[in-house]
PDB file of N, CA and C in Angstrom:
ATOM      1  N   UNK A   1     180.339 108.231  56.957  1.00  0.00           N
ATOM      2  CA  UNK A   1     180.222 109.668  56.759  1.00  0.00           C
ATOM      3  C   UNK A   1     178.788 110.038  56.403  1.00  0.00           C
ATOM      4  N   UNK A   2     178.205 109.269  55.481  1.00  0.00           N
ATOM      5  CA  UNK A   2     176.832 109.543  55.075  1.00  0.00           C
ATOM      6  C   UNK A   2     175.882 109.391  56.262  1.00  0.00           C
ATOM      7  N   UNK A   3     176.074 108.343  57.049  1.00  0.00           N
ATOM      8  CA  UNK A   3     175.197 108.127  58.200  1.00  0.00           C
ATOM      9  C   UNK A   3     175.370 109.226  59.248  1.00  0.00           C
ATOM     10  N   UNK A   4     176.575 109.713  59.441  1.00  0.00           N
ATOM     11  CA  UNK A   4     176.801 110.827  60.359  1.00  0.00           C
ATOM     12  C   UNK A   4     175.983 112.031  59.924  1.00  0.00           C
ATOM     13  N   UNK A   5     175.979 112.320  58.635  1.00  0.00           N
ATOM     14  CA  UNK A   5     175.217 113.457  58.119  1.00  0.00           C
ATOM     15  C   UNK A   5     173.711 113.215  58.198  1.00  0.00           C
ATOM     16  N   UNK A   6     173.272 112.015  57.855  1.00  0.00           N
ATOM     17  CA  UNK A   6     171.839 111.713  57.846  1.00  0.00           C
ATOM     18  C   UNK A   6     171.222 111.657  59.237  1.00  0.00           C
ATOM     19  N   UNK A   7     171.990 111.224  60.210  1.00  0.00           N
ATOM     20  CA  UNK A   7     171.445 111.004  61.549  1.00  0.00           C
ATOM     21  C   UNK A   7     171.619 112.205  62.483  1.00  0.00           C
ATOM     22  N   UNK A   8     172.185 113.294  61.969  1.00  0.00           N
ATOM     23  CA  UNK A   8     172.443 114.486  62.785  1.00  0.00           C
ATOM     24  C   UNK A   8     171.567 115.645  62.343  1.00  0.00           C
ATOM     25  N   UNK A   9     171.272 116.517  63.299  1.00  0.00           N
ATOM     26  CA  UNK A   9     170.696 117.807  62.924  1.00  0.00           C
ATOM     27  C   UNK A   9     171.861 118.786  62.804  1.00  0.00           C
ATOM     28  N   UNK A  10     171.676 119.851  62.037  1.00  0.00           N
ATOM     29  CA  UNK A  10     172.777 120.754  61.736  1.00  0.00           C
ATOM     30  C   UNK A  10     172.387 122.192  62.014  1.00  0.00           C
ATOM     31  N   UNK A  11     173.338 122.921  62.512  1.00  0.00           N
ATOM     32  CA  UNK A  11     173.193 124.360  62.695  1.00  0.00           C
ATOM     33  C   UNK A  11     174.486 124.998  62.214  1.00  0.00           C
ATOM     34  N   UNK A  12     174.358 125.978  61.307  1.00  0.00           N
ATOM     35  CA  UNK A  12     175.549 126.646  60.769  1.00  0.00           C
ATOM     36  C   UNK A  12     175.502 128.121  61.120  1.00  0.00           C
ATOM     37  N   UNK A  13     176.621 128.604  61.628  1.00  0.00           N
ATOM     38  CA  UNK A  13     176.753 130.026  61.904  1.00  0.00           C
ATOM     39  C   UNK A  13     178.141 130.450  61.452  1.00  0.00           C
ATOM     40  N   UNK A  14     178.164 131.255  60.407  1.00  0.00           N
ATOM     41  CA  UNK A  14     179.447 131.662  59.844  1.00  0.00           C
ATOM     42  C   UNK A  14     180.158 130.467  59.252  1.00  0.00           C
ATOM     43  N   UNK A  15     181.393 130.246  59.697  1.00  0.00           N
ATOM     44  CA  UNK A  15     182.154 129.109  59.179  1.00  0.00           C
ATOM     45  C   UNK A  15     182.114 127.905  60.123  1.00  0.00           C
ATOM     46  N   UNK A  16     181.266 127.966  61.158  1.00  0.00           N
ATOM     47  CA  UNK A  16     181.152 126.869  62.109  1.00  0.00           C
ATOM     48  C   UNK A  16     179.856 126.106  61.837  1.00  0.00           C
ATOM     49  N   UNK A  17     180.007 124.816  61.634  1.00  0.00           N
ATOM     50  CA  UNK A  17     178.870 123.935  61.401  1.00  0.00           C
ATOM     51  C   UNK A  17     178.803 122.971  62.580  1.00  0.00           C
ATOM     52  N   UNK A  18     177.697 123.015  63.311  1.00  0.00           N
ATOM     53  CA  UNK A  18     177.522 122.153  64.477  1.00  0.00           C
ATOM     54  C   UNK A  18     176.504 121.066  64.157  1.00  0.00           C
ATOM     55  N   UNK A  19     176.904 119.835  64.382  1.00  0.00           N
ATOM     56  CA  UNK A  19     176.005 118.702  64.234  1.00  0.00           C
ATOM     57  C   UNK A  19     175.634 118.203  65.621  1.00  0.00           C
ATOM     58  N   UNK A  20     174.378 117.759  65.746  1.00  0.00           N
ATOM     59  CA  UNK A  20     173.938 117.107  66.970  1.00  0.00           C
ATOM     60  C   UNK A  20     173.559 115.686  66.602  1.00  0.00           C
ATOM     61  N   UNK A  21     174.225 114.749  67.243  1.00  0.00           N
ATOM     62  CA  UNK A  21     174.085 113.327  66.954  1.00  0.00           C
ATOM     63  C   UNK A  21     173.521 112.630  68.183  1.00  0.00           C
ATOM     64  N   UNK A  22     172.565 111.704  68.014  1.00  0.00           N
ATOM     65  CA  UNK A  22     172.045 110.982  69.182  1.00  0.00           C
ATOM     66  C   UNK A  22     173.135 110.135  69.842  1.00  0.00           C
ATOM     67  N   UNK A  23     173.036 109.998  71.139  1.00  0.00           N
ATOM     68  CA  UNK A  23     174.038 109.240  71.894  1.00  0.00           C
ATOM     69  C   UNK A  23     174.151 107.802  71.398  1.00  0.00           C
ATOM     70  N   UNK A  24     173.026 107.206  71.001  1.00  0.00           N
ATOM     71  CA  UNK A  24     173.037 105.816  70.534  1.00  0.00           C
ATOM     72  C   UNK A  24     173.860 105.633  69.259  1.00  0.00           C
ATOM     73  N   UNK A  25     174.103 106.721  68.542  1.00  0.00           N
ATOM     74  CA  UNK A  25     174.855 106.646  67.283  1.00  0.00           C
ATOM     75  C   UNK A  25     176.222 107.323  67.391  1.00  0.00           C
ATOM     76  N   UNK A  26     176.687 107.489  68.598  1.00  0.00           N
ATOM     77  CA  UNK A  26     177.966 108.164  68.832  1.00  0.00           C
ATOM     78  C   UNK A  26     179.118 107.476  68.104  1.00  0.00           C
ATOM     79  N   UNK A  27     178.990 106.184  67.838  1.00  0.00           N
ATOM     80  CA  UNK A  27     180.046 105.449  67.136  1.00  0.00           C
ATOM     81  C   UNK A  27     180.263 105.973  65.707  1.00  0.00           C
ATOM     82  N   UNK A  28     179.292 106.715  65.163  1.00  0.00           N
ATOM     83  CA  UNK A  28     179.454 107.290  63.826  1.00  0.00           C
ATOM     84  C   UNK A  28     180.410 108.482  63.837  1.00  0.00           C
ATOM     85  N   UNK A  29     180.635 109.031  65.006  1.00  0.00           N
ATOM     86  CA  UNK A  29     181.474 110.219  65.168  1.00  0.00           C
ATOM     87  C   UNK A  29     182.933 109.794  65.302  1.00  0.00           C
ATOM     88  N   UNK A  30     183.599 109.691  64.169  1.00  0.00           N
ATOM     89  CA  UNK A  30     185.028 109.361  64.192  1.00  0.00           C
ATOM     90  C   UNK A  30     185.784 110.372  63.335  1.00  0.00           C
ATOM     91  N   UNK A  31     187.077 110.387  63.500  1.00  0.00           N
ATOM     92  CA  UNK A  31     187.920 111.395  62.841  1.00  0.00           C
ATOM     93  C   UNK A  31     187.791 111.357  61.319  1.00  0.00           C
ATOM     94  N   UNK A  32     187.756 110.165  60.748  1.00  0.00           N
ATOM     95  CA  UNK A  32     187.668 110.022  59.292  1.00  0.00           C
ATOM     96  C   UNK A  32     186.349 110.589  58.772  1.00  0.00           C
ATOM     97  N   UNK A  33     185.253 110.229  59.419  1.00  0.00           N
ATOM     98  CA  UNK A  33     183.935 110.716  58.985  1.00  0.00           C
ATOM     99  C   UNK A  33     183.849 112.233  59.117  1.00  0.00           C
ATOM    100  N   UNK A  34     184.342 112.769  60.241  1.00  0.00           N
ATOM    101  CA  UNK A  34     184.306 114.225  60.437  1.00  0.00           C
ATOM    102  C   UNK A  34     185.125 114.939  59.369  1.00  0.00           C
ATOM    103  N   UNK A  35     186.301 114.424  59.055  1.00  0.00           N
ATOM    104  CA  UNK A  35     187.173 115.064  58.052  1.00  0.00           C
ATOM    105  C   UNK A  35     186.516 115.041  56.673  1.00  0.00           C
ATOM    106  N   UNK A  36     185.940 113.898  56.301  1.00  0.00           N
ATOM    107  CA  UNK A  36     185.285 113.799  54.994  1.00  0.00           C
ATOM    108  C   UNK A  36     184.073 114.725  54.911  1.00  0.00           C
ATOM    109  N   UNK A  37     183.287 114.760  55.980  1.00  0.00           N
ATOM    110  CA  UNK A  37     182.104 115.617  55.982  1.00  0.00           C
ATOM    111  C   UNK A  37     182.495 117.088  55.987  1.00  0.00           C
ATOM    112  N   UNK A  38     183.493 117.439  56.754  1.00  0.00           N
ATOM    113  CA  UNK A  38     183.970 118.823  56.782  1.00  0.00           C
ATOM    114  C   UNK A  38     184.443 119.252  55.398  1.00  0.00           C
ATOM    115  N   UNK A  39     185.159 118.394  54.711  1.00  0.00           N
ATOM    116  CA  UNK A  39     185.644 118.695  53.364  1.00  0.00           C
ATOM    117  C   UNK A  39     184.479 118.863  52.386  1.00  0.00           C
ATOM    118  N   UNK A  40     183.516 117.959  52.453  1.00  0.00           N
ATOM    119  CA  UNK A  40     182.364 118.028  51.548  1.00  0.00           C
ATOM    120  C   UNK A  40     181.541 119.285  51.793  1.00  0.00           C
ATOM    121  N   UNK A  41     181.341 119.641  53.054  1.00  0.00           N
ATOM    122  CA  UNK A  41     180.582 120.858  53.363  1.00  0.00           C
ATOM    123  C   UNK A  41     181.349 122.098  52.933  1.00  0.00           C
ATOM    124  N   UNK A  42     182.651 122.085  53.115  1.00  0.00           N
ATOM    125  CA  UNK A  42     183.472 123.205  52.657  1.00  0.00           C
ATOM    126  C   UNK A  42     183.372 123.395  51.151  1.00  0.00           C
ATOM    127  N   UNK A  43     183.402 122.277  50.417  1.00  0.00           N
ATOM    128  CA  UNK A  43     183.251 122.343  48.960  1.00  0.00           C
ATOM    129  C   UNK A  43     181.861 122.871  48.585  1.00  0.00           C
ATOM    130  N   UNK A  44     180.837 122.382  49.297  1.00  0.00           N
ATOM    131  CA  UNK A  44     179.466 122.798  49.012  1.00  0.00           C
ATOM    132  C   UNK A  44     179.286 124.294  49.223  1.00  0.00           C
ATOM    133  N   UNK A  45     179.770 124.797  50.351  1.00  0.00           N
ATOM    134  CA  UNK A  45     179.573 126.206  50.689  1.00  0.00           C
ATOM    135  C   UNK A  45     180.726 127.086  50.217  1.00  0.00           C
ATOM    136  N   UNK A  46     181.714 126.497  49.583  1.00  0.00           N
ATOM    137  CA  UNK A  46     182.876 127.203  49.049  1.00  0.00           C
ATOM    138  C   UNK A  46     183.548 128.094  50.088  1.00  0.00           C
ATOM    139  N   UNK A  47     183.793 127.491  51.252  1.00  0.00           N
ATOM    140  CA  UNK A  47     184.511 128.181  52.312  1.00  0.00           C
ATOM    141  C   UNK A  47     185.084 127.122  53.264  1.00  0.00           C
ATOM    142  N   UNK A  48     186.091 127.514  54.023  1.00  0.00           N
ATOM    143  CA  UNK A  48     186.622 126.615  55.045  1.00  0.00           C
ATOM    144  C   UNK A  48     185.588 126.483  56.149  1.00  0.00           C
ATOM    145  N   UNK A  49     185.351 125.270  56.575  1.00  0.00           N
ATOM    146  CA  UNK A  49     184.325 124.984  57.583  1.00  0.00           C
ATOM    147  C   UNK A  49     184.987 124.361  58.811  1.00  0.00           C
ATOM    148  N   UNK A  50     184.547 124.791  59.964  1.00  0.00           N
ATOM    149  CA  UNK A  50     184.923 124.155  61.222  1.00  0.00           C
ATOM    150  C   UNK A  50     183.739 123.266  61.615  1.00  0.00           C
ATOM    151  N   UNK A  51     183.945 121.976  61.681  1.00  0.00           N
ATOM    152  CA  UNK A  51     182.867 121.046  61.999  1.00  0.00           C
ATOM    153  C   UNK A  51     182.969 120.622  63.458  1.00  0.00           C
ATOM    154  N   UNK A  52     181.846 120.765  64.169  1.00  0.00           N
ATOM    155  CA  UNK A  52     181.754 120.312  65.554  1.00  0.00           C
ATOM    156  C   UNK A  52     180.630 119.300  65.637  1.00  0.00           C
ATOM    157  N   UNK A  53     180.855 118.220  66.353  1.00  0.00           N
ATOM    158  CA  UNK A  53     179.831 117.205  66.552  1.00  0.00           C
ATOM    159  C   UNK A  53     179.540 117.116  68.041  1.00  0.00           C
ATOM    160  N   UNK A  54     178.287 117.391  68.391  1.00  0.00           N
ATOM    161  CA  UNK A  54     177.842 117.312  69.774  1.00  0.00           C
ATOM    162  C   UNK A  54     176.902 116.123  69.912  1.00  0.00           C
ATOM    163  N   UNK A  55     176.903 115.512  71.074  1.00  0.00           N
ATOM    164  CA  UNK A  55     176.000 114.413  71.363  1.00  0.00           C
ATOM    165  C   UNK A  55     174.795 114.995  72.094  1.00  0.00           C
ATOM    166  N   UNK A  56     173.606 114.647  71.604  1.00  0.00           N
ATOM    167  CA  UNK A  56     172.400 115.191  72.220  1.00  0.00           C
ATOM    168  C   UNK A  56     171.150 114.625  71.572  1.00  0.00           C
ATOM    169  N   UNK A  57     170.126 115.443  71.524  1.00  0.00           N
ATOM    170  CA  UNK A  57     168.838 115.065  70.940  1.00  0.00           C
ATOM    171  C   UNK A  57     168.611 115.882  69.662  1.00  0.00           C
ATOM    172  N   UNK A  58     168.995 115.347  68.514  1.00  0.00           N
ATOM    173  CA  UNK A  58     168.829 116.112  67.270  1.00  0.00           C
ATOM    174  C   UNK A  58     167.359 116.268  66.907  1.00  0.00           C
ATOM    175  N   UNK A  59     167.053 117.361  66.265  1.00  0.00           N
ATOM    176  CA  UNK A  59     165.702 117.645  65.790  1.00  0.00           C
ATOM    177  C   UNK A  59     165.717 117.691  64.268  1.00  0.00           C
ATOM    178  N   UNK A  60     164.740 117.060  63.662  1.00  0.00           N
ATOM    179  CA  UNK A  60     164.566 117.110  62.203  1.00  0.00           C
ATOM    180  C   UNK A  60     165.818 116.693  61.438  1.00  0.00           C
ATOM    181  N   UNK A  61     166.315 115.522  61.738  1.00  0.00           N
ATOM    182  CA  UNK A  61     167.451 115.000  60.977  1.00  0.00           C
ATOM    183  C   UNK A  61     166.972 114.625  59.577  1.00  0.00           C
ATOM    184  N   UNK A  62     167.850 114.606  58.594  1.00  0.00           N
ATOM    185  CA  UNK A  62     167.447 114.172  57.255  1.00  0.00           C
ATOM    186  C   UNK A  62     166.808 112.776  57.276  1.00  0.00           C
ATOM    187  N   UNK A  63     167.339 111.883  58.107  1.00  0.00           N
ATOM    188  CA  UNK A  63     166.789 110.533  58.201  1.00  0.00           C
ATOM    189  C   UNK A  63     165.355 110.572  58.730  1.00  0.00           C
ATOM    190  N   UNK A  64     165.106 111.345  59.787  1.00  0.00           N
ATOM    191  CA  UNK A  64     163.765 111.444  60.371  1.00  0.00           C
ATOM    192  C   UNK A  64     162.781 112.073  59.391  1.00  0.00           C
ATOM    193  N   UNK A  65     163.232 113.080  58.656  1.00  0.00           N
ATOM    194  CA  UNK A  65     162.367 113.730  57.663  1.00  0.00           C
ATOM    195  C   UNK A  65     161.997 112.731  56.566  1.00  0.00           C
ATOM    196  N   UNK A  66     162.971 111.951  56.090  1.00  0.00           N
ATOM    197  CA  UNK A  66     162.692 110.955  55.052  1.00  0.00           C
ATOM    198  C   UNK A  66     161.744 109.883  55.573  1.00  0.00           C
ATOM    199  N   UNK A  67     161.909 109.467  56.820  1.00  0.00           N
ATOM    200  CA  UNK A  67     160.999 108.486  57.416  1.00  0.00           C
ATOM    201  C   UNK A  67     159.573 109.019  57.438  1.00  0.00           C
ATOM    202  N   UNK A  68     159.414 110.279  57.774  1.00  0.00           N
ATOM    203  CA  UNK A  68     158.092 110.912  57.804  1.00  0.00           C
ATOM    204  C   UNK A  68     157.476 110.964  56.406  1.00  0.00           C
ATOM    205  N   UNK A  69     158.286 111.320  55.427  1.00  0.00           N
ATOM    206  CA  UNK A  69     157.818 111.359  54.033  1.00  0.00           C
ATOM    207  C   UNK A  69     157.391 109.961  53.586  1.00  0.00           C
ATOM    208  N   UNK A  70     158.204 108.951  53.911  1.00  0.00           N
ATOM    209  CA  UNK A  70     157.872 107.577  53.535  1.00  0.00           C
ATOM    210  C   UNK A  70     156.558 107.134  54.167  1.00  0.00           C
ATOM    211  N   UNK A  71     156.351 107.500  55.420  1.00  0.00           N
ATOM    212  CA  UNK A  71     155.105 107.144  56.117  1.00  0.00           C
ATOM    213  C   UNK A  71     153.902 107.787  55.439  1.00  0.00           C
ATOM    214  N   UNK A  72     154.019 109.066  55.085  1.00  0.00           N
ATOM    215  CA  UNK A  72     152.918 109.760  54.403  1.00  0.00           C
ATOM    216  C   UNK A  72     152.636 109.142  53.039  1.00  0.00           C
ATOM    217  N   UNK A  73     153.688 108.802  52.305  1.00  0.00           N
ATOM    218  CA  UNK A  73     153.515 108.174  50.994  1.00  0.00           C
ATOM    219  C   UNK A  73     152.822 106.822  51.128  1.00  0.00           C
ATOM    220  N   UNK A  74     153.188 106.057  52.152  1.00  0.00           N
ATOM    221  CA  UNK A  74     152.577 104.752  52.373  1.00  0.00           C
ATOM    222  C   UNK A  74     151.096 104.908  52.737  1.00  0.00           C
ATOM    223  N   UNK A  75     150.784 105.872  53.594  1.00  0.00           N
ATOM    224  CA  UNK A  75     149.393 106.115  53.958  1.00  0.00           C
ATOM    225  C   UNK A  75     148.573 106.528  52.734  1.00  0.00           C
ATOM    226  N   UNK A  76     149.155 107.360  51.885  1.00  0.00           N
ATOM    227  CA  UNK A  76     148.459 107.784  50.675  1.00  0.00           C
ATOM    228  C   UNK A  76     148.231 106.591  49.745  1.00  0.00           C
ATOM    229  N   UNK A  77     149.236 105.738  49.594  1.00  0.00           N
ATOM    230  CA  UNK A  77     149.099 104.551  48.744  1.00  0.00           C
ATOM    231  C   UNK A  77     147.996 103.639  49.272  1.00  0.00           C
ATOM    232  N   UNK A  78     147.899 103.492  50.585  1.00  0.00           N
ATOM    233  CA  UNK A  78     146.838 102.678  51.175  1.00  0.00           C
ATOM    234  C   UNK A  78     145.465 103.274  50.865  1.00  0.00           C
ATOM    235  N   UNK A  79     145.341 104.596  50.970  1.00  0.00           N
ATOM    236  CA  UNK A  79     144.078 105.266  50.658  1.00  0.00           C
ATOM    237  C   UNK A  79     143.689 105.048  49.199  1.00  0.00           C
ATOM    238  N   UNK A  80     144.662 105.177  48.307  1.00  0.00           N
ATOM    239  CA  UNK A  80     144.388 104.996  46.875  1.00  0.00           C
ATOM    240  C   UNK A  80     143.891 103.582  46.610  1.00  0.00           C
ATOM    241  N   UNK A  81     144.553 102.602  47.190  1.00  0.00           N
ATOM    242  CA  UNK A  81     144.147 101.201  46.995  1.00  0.00           C
ATOM    243  C   UNK A  81     142.758 100.966  47.580  1.00  0.00           C
ATOM    244  N   UNK A  82     142.536 101.423  48.792  1.00  0.00           N
ATOM    245  CA  UNK A  82     141.254 101.198  49.458  1.00  0.00           C
ATOM    246  C   UNK A  82     140.098 101.896  48.754  1.00  0.00           C
ATOM    247  N   UNK A  83     140.356 102.991  48.048  1.00  0.00           N
ATOM    248  CA  UNK A  83     139.306 103.738  47.359  1.00  0.00           C
ATOM    249  C   UNK A  83     139.188 103.394  45.875  1.00  0.00           C
ATOM    250  N   UNK A  84     140.034 102.510  45.399  1.00  0.00           N
ATOM    251  CA  UNK A  84     140.010 102.126  43.990  1.00  0.00           C
ATOM    252  C   UNK A  84     138.763 101.292  43.694  1.00  0.00           C
ATOM    253  N   UNK A  85     137.998 101.686  42.669  1.00  0.00           N
ATOM    254  CA  UNK A  85     136.751 100.975  42.344  1.00  0.00           C
ATOM    255  C   UNK A  85     137.006  99.537  41.897  1.00  0.00           C
ATOM    256  N   UNK A  86     138.115  99.292  41.208  1.00  0.00           N
ATOM    257  CA  UNK A  86     138.432  97.925  40.799  1.00  0.00           C
ATOM    258  C   UNK A  86     138.741  97.039  42.010  1.00  0.00           C
ATOM    259  N   UNK A  87     139.464  97.576  42.938  1.00  0.00           N
ATOM    260  CA  UNK A  87     139.777  96.825  44.156  1.00  0.00           C
ATOM    261  C   UNK A  87     138.487  96.554  44.923  1.00  0.00           C
ATOM    262  N   UNK A  88     137.644  97.559  45.032  1.00  0.00           N
ATOM    263  CA  UNK A  88     136.369  97.384  45.727  1.00  0.00           C
ATOM    264  C   UNK A  88     135.504  96.319  45.044  1.00  0.00           C
ATOM    265  N   UNK A  89     135.535  96.282  43.724  1.00  0.00           N
ATOM    266  CA  UNK A  89     134.788  95.272  42.980  1.00  0.00           C
ATOM    267  C   UNK A  89     135.255  93.867  43.361  1.00  0.00           C
ATOM    268  N   UNK A  90     136.562  93.656  43.352  1.00  0.00           N
ATOM    269  CA  UNK A  90     137.105  92.345  43.708  1.00  0.00           C
ATOM    270  C   UNK A  90     136.792  91.974  45.159  1.00  0.00           C
ATOM    271  N   UNK A  91     136.795  92.969  46.029  1.00  0.00           N
ATOM    272  CA  UNK A  91     136.458  92.702  47.418  1.00  0.00           C
ATOM    273  C   UNK A  91     134.996  92.253  47.550  1.00  0.00           C
ATOM    274  N   UNK A  92     134.129  92.915  46.806  1.00  0.00           N
ATOM    275  CA  UNK A  92     132.703  92.592  46.889  1.00  0.00           C
ATOM    276  C   UNK A  92     132.380  91.278  46.186  1.00  0.00           C
ATOM    277  N   UNK A  93     132.905  91.076  45.009  1.00  0.00           N
ATOM    278  CA  UNK A  93     132.558  89.904  44.203  1.00  0.00           C
ATOM    279  C   UNK A  93     133.261  88.621  44.647  1.00  0.00           C
ATOM    280  N   UNK A  94     134.482  88.744  45.109  1.00  0.00           N
ATOM    281  CA  UNK A  94     135.277  87.556  45.402  1.00  0.00           C
ATOM    282  C   UNK A  94     135.755  87.499  46.855  1.00  0.00           C
ATOM    283  N   UNK A  95     135.232  88.394  47.679  1.00  0.00           N
ATOM    284  CA  UNK A  95     135.643  88.467  49.080  1.00  0.00           C
ATOM    285  C   UNK A  95     137.169  88.620  49.195  1.00  0.00           C
ATOM    286  N   UNK A  96     137.739  89.399  48.275  1.00  0.00           N
ATOM    287  CA  UNK A  96     139.187  89.635  48.262  1.00  0.00           C
ATOM    288  C   UNK A  96     139.599  90.444  49.486  1.00  0.00           C
ATOM    289  N   UNK A  97     140.803  90.213  49.932  1.00  0.00           N
ATOM    290  CA  UNK A  97     141.368  90.925  51.088  1.00  0.00           C
ATOM    291  C   UNK A  97     142.614  91.685  50.644  1.00  0.00           C
ATOM    292  N   UNK A  98     142.790  92.850  51.211  1.00  0.00           N
ATOM    293  CA  UNK A  98     144.007  93.630  50.951  1.00  0.00           C
ATOM    294  C   UNK A  98     145.005  93.304  52.055  1.00  0.00           C
ATOM    295  N   UNK A  99     146.195  92.923  51.655  1.00  0.00           N
ATOM    296  CA  UNK A  99     147.274  92.702  52.618  1.00  0.00           C
ATOM    297  C   UNK A  99     147.963  94.063  52.789  1.00  0.00           C
ATOM    298  N   UNK A 100     147.614  94.755  53.877  1.00  0.00           N
ATOM    299  CA  UNK A 100     148.036  96.148  54.078  1.00  0.00           C
ATOM    300  C   UNK A 100     149.557  96.323  54.013  1.00  0.00           C
ATOM    301  N   UNK A 101     150.312  95.420  54.597  1.00  0.00           N
ATOM    302  CA  UNK A 101     151.771  95.614  54.613  1.00  0.00           C
ATOM    303  C   UNK A 101     152.429  95.259  53.274  1.00  0.00           C
ATOM    304  N   UNK A 102     151.630  94.837  52.290  1.00  0.00           N
ATOM    305  CA  UNK A 102     152.186  94.554  50.971  1.00  0.00           C
ATOM    306  C   UNK A 102     152.088  95.776  50.045  1.00  0.00           C
ATOM    307  N   UNK A 103     151.412  96.809  50.499  1.00  0.00           N
ATOM    308  CA  UNK A 103     151.239  98.018  49.684  1.00  0.00           C
ATOM    309  C   UNK A 103     152.527  98.833  49.737  1.00  0.00           C
ATOM    310  N   UNK A 104     153.044  99.148  48.547  1.00  0.00           N
ATOM    311  CA  UNK A 104     154.272  99.922  48.446  1.00  0.00           C
ATOM    312  C   UNK A 104     154.022 101.148  47.568  1.00  0.00           C
ATOM    313  N   UNK A 105     154.342 102.343  48.066  1.00  0.00           N
ATOM    314  CA  UNK A 105     154.194 103.535  47.232  1.00  0.00           C
ATOM    315  C   UNK A 105     155.230 103.559  46.123  1.00  0.00           C
ATOM    316  N   UNK A 106     154.862 104.126  45.017  1.00  0.00           N
ATOM    317  CA  UNK A 106     155.795 104.250  43.886  1.00  0.00           C
ATOM    318  C   UNK A 106     155.952 105.689  43.506  1.00  0.00           C
TER     319      UNK A 106
END
């Protein structure tokens, strides 16, 4: 259910909520997941919701947005490390190397 919500884009009009799910993830679209998601959305919006799931090319899914945020955070962490005077000192004095893929944003 969570993956169905994360991997879909959503459009709501009135009491109809339409999800667009990529074809490669069509297996996430099952009756149980739809029922649970419909119930959760109904509770969230405090109204009965009709949930429709279409297969297509979703835009700006929660998963894609989070991936973009993670990428930006990682790039920023790399910049901070590369511009840190202490790191630069170790690089100059001891020929230290930064292992780029070991940098993790916090």
